[in-house]
Amino acid sequence: MTHNSGSAGFSFASGVRGLPETDVARVQRWCRDRVPERVRDQVRVEVDVAERHVTIVECRPPWRADMGAEWTRFPIARLRYTKSTGVWSLYWRDRNSRFHGYDLVSPTASIEELLAEVDRDPTAIFWG
């Protein structure tokens, strides 16, 4: 898994096999565009890229000086890719950090549809 804790708000898919690079780039752009640049020192949305999925994470700086310099990373949603069918599926994270299939949208070849659902969040399961 790769991630970038820099201010860019996304990680690169270089070296990751199995995921369509254009879709990974779409998720990276979506994450970057979610947070205005002026507040990226307070919150960022980033993407962790793995071989078969991407995980959207909310990142926040330490809230106390004694917590160190490491930002916290809170998983929001996971998009899993099935290479044999070319479709993406959306998953939500429970309080135990386990992911479960999100059943309000069907798996789709259009990753934009799933990102739109995370953005819309009709059940408040992703953003609270």
C-alpha atoms as a PDB file:
ATOM      1  CA  MET A   1       0.000   0.000   0.000  1.00  0.00           C
ATOM      2  CA  THR A   2       1.253   3.468  -0.777  1.00  0.00           C
ATOM      3  CA  HIS A   3       0.257   6.801   0.563  1.00  0.00           C
ATOM      4  CA  ASN A   4       1.551  10.301   0.623  1.00  0.00           C
ATOM      5  CA  SER A   5       1.251  12.388   3.751  1.00  0.00           C
ATOM      6  CA  GLY A   6       2.343  15.515   1.917  1.00  0.00           C
ATOM      7  CA  SER A   7       0.111  18.479   1.237  1.00  0.00           C
ATOM      8  CA  ALA A   8      -0.807  17.268  -2.233  1.00  0.00           C
ATOM      9  CA  GLY A   9      -3.548  15.105  -0.723  1.00  0.00           C
ATOM     10  CA  PHE A  10      -3.045  12.052  -2.886  1.00  0.00           C
ATOM     11  CA  SER A  11      -0.655   9.227  -3.655  1.00  0.00           C
ATOM     12  CA  PHE A  12       0.633   8.013  -6.974  1.00  0.00           C
ATOM     13  CA  ALA A  13      -0.258   4.667  -8.542  1.00  0.00           C
ATOM     14  CA  SER A  14       3.218   4.016  -9.880  1.00  0.00           C
ATOM     15  CA  GLY A  15       4.127   0.397  -9.446  1.00  0.00           C
ATOM     16  CA  VAL A  16       0.572  -0.666  -8.572  1.00  0.00           C
ATOM     17  CA  ARG A  17      -0.646  -3.406 -10.882  1.00  0.00           C
ATOM     18  CA  GLY A  18      -4.217  -4.455 -11.367  1.00  0.00           C
ATOM     19  CA  LEU A  19      -5.932  -1.072 -11.020  1.00  0.00           C
ATOM     20  CA  PRO A  20      -6.791   1.142 -13.996  1.00  0.00           C
ATOM     21  CA  GLU A  21      -4.430   4.114 -13.717  1.00  0.00           C
ATOM     22  CA  THR A  22      -7.041   6.530 -15.075  1.00  0.00           C
ATOM     23  CA  ASP A  23      -9.480   5.518 -12.319  1.00  0.00           C
ATOM     24  CA  VAL A  24      -6.812   5.851  -9.639  1.00  0.00           C
ATOM     25  CA  ALA A  25      -6.039   9.328 -11.006  1.00  0.00           C
ATOM     26  CA  ARG A  26      -9.757  10.193 -10.828  1.00  0.00           C
ATOM     27  CA  VAL A  27      -9.873   9.205  -7.155  1.00  0.00           C
ATOM     28  CA  GLN A  28      -6.702  11.176  -6.442  1.00  0.00           C
ATOM     29  CA  ARG A  29      -8.182  14.265  -8.108  1.00  0.00           C
ATOM     30  CA  TRP A  30     -11.489  13.791  -6.255  1.00  0.00           C
ATOM     31  CA  CYS A  31      -9.642  13.601  -2.921  1.00  0.00           C
ATOM     32  CA  ARG A  32      -7.514  16.644  -3.679  1.00  0.00           C
ATOM     33  CA  ASP A  33     -10.561  18.679  -4.744  1.00  0.00           C
ATOM     34  CA  ARG A  34     -12.590  17.857  -1.604  1.00  0.00           C
ATOM     35  CA  VAL A  35     -10.588  20.178   0.653  1.00  0.00           C
ATOM     36  CA  PRO A  36      -9.847  23.807  -0.223  1.00  0.00           C
ATOM     37  CA  GLU A  37      -6.120  24.531  -0.302  1.00  0.00           C
ATOM     38  CA  ARG A  38      -6.440  27.190   2.421  1.00  0.00           C
ATOM     39  CA  VAL A  39      -7.440  24.574   5.050  1.00  0.00           C
ATOM     40  CA  ARG A  40      -5.149  21.689   4.047  1.00  0.00           C
ATOM     41  CA  ASP A  41      -3.011  22.406   7.097  1.00  0.00           C
ATOM     42  CA  GLN A  42      -6.065  21.364   9.173  1.00  0.00           C
ATOM     43  CA  VAL A  43      -7.576  18.497   7.165  1.00  0.00           C
ATOM     44  CA  ARG A  44      -6.777  16.552   4.015  1.00  0.00           C
ATOM     45  CA  VAL A  45      -8.479  13.775   2.111  1.00  0.00           C
ATOM     46  CA  GLU A  46      -6.019  11.310   0.639  1.00  0.00           C
ATOM     47  CA  VAL A  47      -6.089   7.938  -1.058  1.00  0.00           C
ATOM     48  CA  ASP A  48      -4.123   4.834  -0.125  1.00  0.00           C
ATOM     49  CA  VAL A  49      -3.535   2.653  -3.165  1.00  0.00           C
ATOM     50  CA  ALA A  50      -3.233  -1.132  -2.896  1.00  0.00           C
ATOM     51  CA  GLU A  51      -3.121  -3.861  -5.532  1.00  0.00           C
ATOM     52  CA  ARG A  52      -6.896  -4.466  -5.683  1.00  0.00           C
ATOM     53  CA  HIS A  53      -8.426  -1.430  -3.984  1.00  0.00           C
ATOM     54  CA  VAL A  54      -8.107   2.215  -3.045  1.00  0.00           C
ATOM     55  CA  THR A  55      -9.010   3.552   0.381  1.00  0.00           C
ATOM     56  CA  ILE A  56     -10.149   7.132   0.882  1.00  0.00           C
ATOM     57  CA  VAL A  57      -8.792   8.508   4.179  1.00  0.00           C
ATOM     58  CA  GLU A  58      -9.348  11.699   6.115  1.00  0.00           C
ATOM     59  CA  CYS A  59      -6.113  13.056   7.598  1.00  0.00           C
ATOM     60  CA  ARG A  60      -5.787  15.467  10.496  1.00  0.00           C
ATOM     61  CA  PRO A  61      -2.778  16.972  12.259  1.00  0.00           C
ATOM     62  CA  PRO A  62      -1.991  16.138  15.890  1.00  0.00           C
ATOM     63  CA  TRP A  63      -4.403  17.919  18.192  1.00  0.00           C
ATOM     64  CA  ARG A  64      -1.923  18.051  21.091  1.00  0.00           C
ATOM     65  CA  ALA A  65       1.768  18.948  21.010  1.00  0.00           C
ATOM     66  CA  ASP A  66       2.725  15.774  22.914  1.00  0.00           C
ATOM     67  CA  MET A  67       1.113  13.603  20.207  1.00  0.00           C
ATOM     68  CA  GLY A  68       4.092  14.024  17.882  1.00  0.00           C
ATOM     69  CA  ALA A  69       4.126  15.271  14.309  1.00  0.00           C
ATOM     70  CA  GLU A  70       2.311  12.328  12.675  1.00  0.00           C
ATOM     71  CA  TRP A  71      -1.116  13.078  11.189  1.00  0.00           C
ATOM     72  CA  THR A  72      -3.961  10.697  12.027  1.00  0.00           C
ATOM     73  CA  ARG A  73      -5.427   8.727   9.117  1.00  0.00           C
ATOM     74  CA  PHE A  74      -9.097   7.788   9.360  1.00  0.00           C
ATOM     75  CA  PRO A  75     -10.442   5.465   6.629  1.00  0.00           C
ATOM     76  CA  ILE A  76     -13.674   6.765   5.073  1.00  0.00           C
ATOM     77  CA  ALA A  77     -14.451   4.387   2.201  1.00  0.00           C
ATOM     78  CA  ARG A  78     -12.871   1.648   0.108  1.00  0.00           C
ATOM     79  CA  LEU A  79     -13.319   1.076  -3.605  1.00  0.00           C
ATOM     80  CA  ARG A  80     -12.444  -2.469  -4.695  1.00  0.00           C
ATOM     81  CA  TYR A  81     -11.712  -3.343  -8.285  1.00  0.00           C
ATOM     82  CA  THR A  82     -12.568  -6.708  -9.844  1.00  0.00           C
ATOM     83  CA  LYS A  83     -10.217  -7.036 -12.772  1.00  0.00           C
ATOM     84  CA  SER A  84     -12.065  -9.967 -14.408  1.00  0.00           C
ATOM     85  CA  THR A  85     -15.289  -7.952 -14.748  1.00  0.00           C
ATOM     86  CA  GLY A  86     -13.824  -4.432 -14.837  1.00  0.00           C
ATOM     87  CA  VAL A  87     -16.134  -3.132 -12.106  1.00  0.00           C
ATOM     88  CA  TRP A  88     -15.624  -1.220  -8.897  1.00  0.00           C
ATOM     89  CA  SER A  89     -17.546  -1.891  -5.657  1.00  0.00           C
ATOM     90  CA  LEU A  90     -18.015   0.516  -2.754  1.00  0.00           C
ATOM     91  CA  TYR A  91     -17.390  -0.428   0.889  1.00  0.00           C
ATOM     92  CA  TRP A  92     -17.987   1.433   4.146  1.00  0.00           C
ATOM     93  CA  ARG A  93     -15.954   1.171   7.343  1.00  0.00           C
ATOM     94  CA  ASP A  94     -17.439   0.206  10.695  1.00  0.00           C
ATOM     95  CA  ARG A  95     -16.275   1.317  14.153  1.00  0.00           C
ATOM     96  CA  ASN A  96     -13.874  -1.656  14.285  1.00  0.00           C
ATOM     97  CA  SER A  97     -12.194  -0.554  11.045  1.00  0.00           C
ATOM     98  CA  ARG A  98     -13.707  -3.433   9.074  1.00  0.00           C
ATOM     99  CA  PHE A  99     -15.095  -2.787   5.614  1.00  0.00           C
ATOM    100  CA  HIS A 100     -18.540  -3.935   4.469  1.00  0.00           C
ATOM    101  CA  GLY A 101     -20.249  -3.814   1.088  1.00  0.00           C
ATOM    102  CA  TYR A 102     -22.336  -0.690   0.574  1.00  0.00           C
ATOM    103  CA  ASP A 103     -25.638  -1.835  -0.900  1.00  0.00           C
ATOM    104  CA  LEU A 104     -27.230   1.444  -2.019  1.00  0.00           C
ATOM    105  CA  VAL A 105     -25.249   1.446  -5.283  1.00  0.00           C
ATOM    106  CA  SER A 106     -24.431  -1.512  -7.491  1.00  0.00           C
ATOM    107  CA  PRO A 107     -20.913  -2.363  -8.593  1.00  0.00           C
ATOM    108  CA  THR A 108     -20.086  -0.343 -11.691  1.00  0.00           C
ATOM    109  CA  ALA A 109     -17.345   0.260 -14.228  1.00  0.00           C
ATOM    110  CA  SER A 110     -17.766   3.996 -13.538  1.00  0.00           C
ATOM    111  CA  ILE A 111     -15.726   4.944 -10.501  1.00  0.00           C
ATOM    112  CA  GLU A 112     -17.255   8.432 -10.722  1.00  0.00           C
ATOM    113  CA  GLU A 113     -20.659   6.990  -9.749  1.00  0.00           C
ATOM    114  CA  LEU A 114     -19.188   5.560  -6.554  1.00  0.00           C
ATOM    115  CA  LEU A 115     -17.315   8.768  -5.720  1.00  0.00           C
ATOM    116  CA  ALA A 116     -20.558  10.696  -6.235  1.00  0.00           C
ATOM    117  CA  GLU A 117     -22.272   8.378  -3.730  1.00  0.00           C
ATOM    118  CA  VAL A 118     -19.503   8.911  -1.157  1.00  0.00           C
ATOM    119  CA  ASP A 119     -19.867  12.647  -1.728  1.00  0.00           C
ATOM    120  CA  ARG A 120     -23.659  12.494  -1.452  1.00  0.00           C
ATOM    121  CA  ASP A 121     -23.522  10.213   1.619  1.00  0.00           C
ATOM    122  CA  PRO A 122     -27.316   9.867   2.029  1.00  0.00           C
ATOM    123  CA  THR A 123     -27.005   7.679   5.154  1.00  0.00           C
ATOM    124  CA  ALA A 124     -24.098   9.590   6.769  1.00  0.00           C
ATOM    125  CA  ILE A 125     -22.147   6.329   6.814  1.00  0.00           C
ATOM    126  CA  PHE A 126     -19.009   7.802   5.241  1.00  0.00           C
ATOM    127  CA  TRP A 127     -18.613  11.334   6.597  1.00  0.00           C
ATOM    128  CA  GLY A 128     -20.829  11.106   9.703  1.00  0.00           C
END
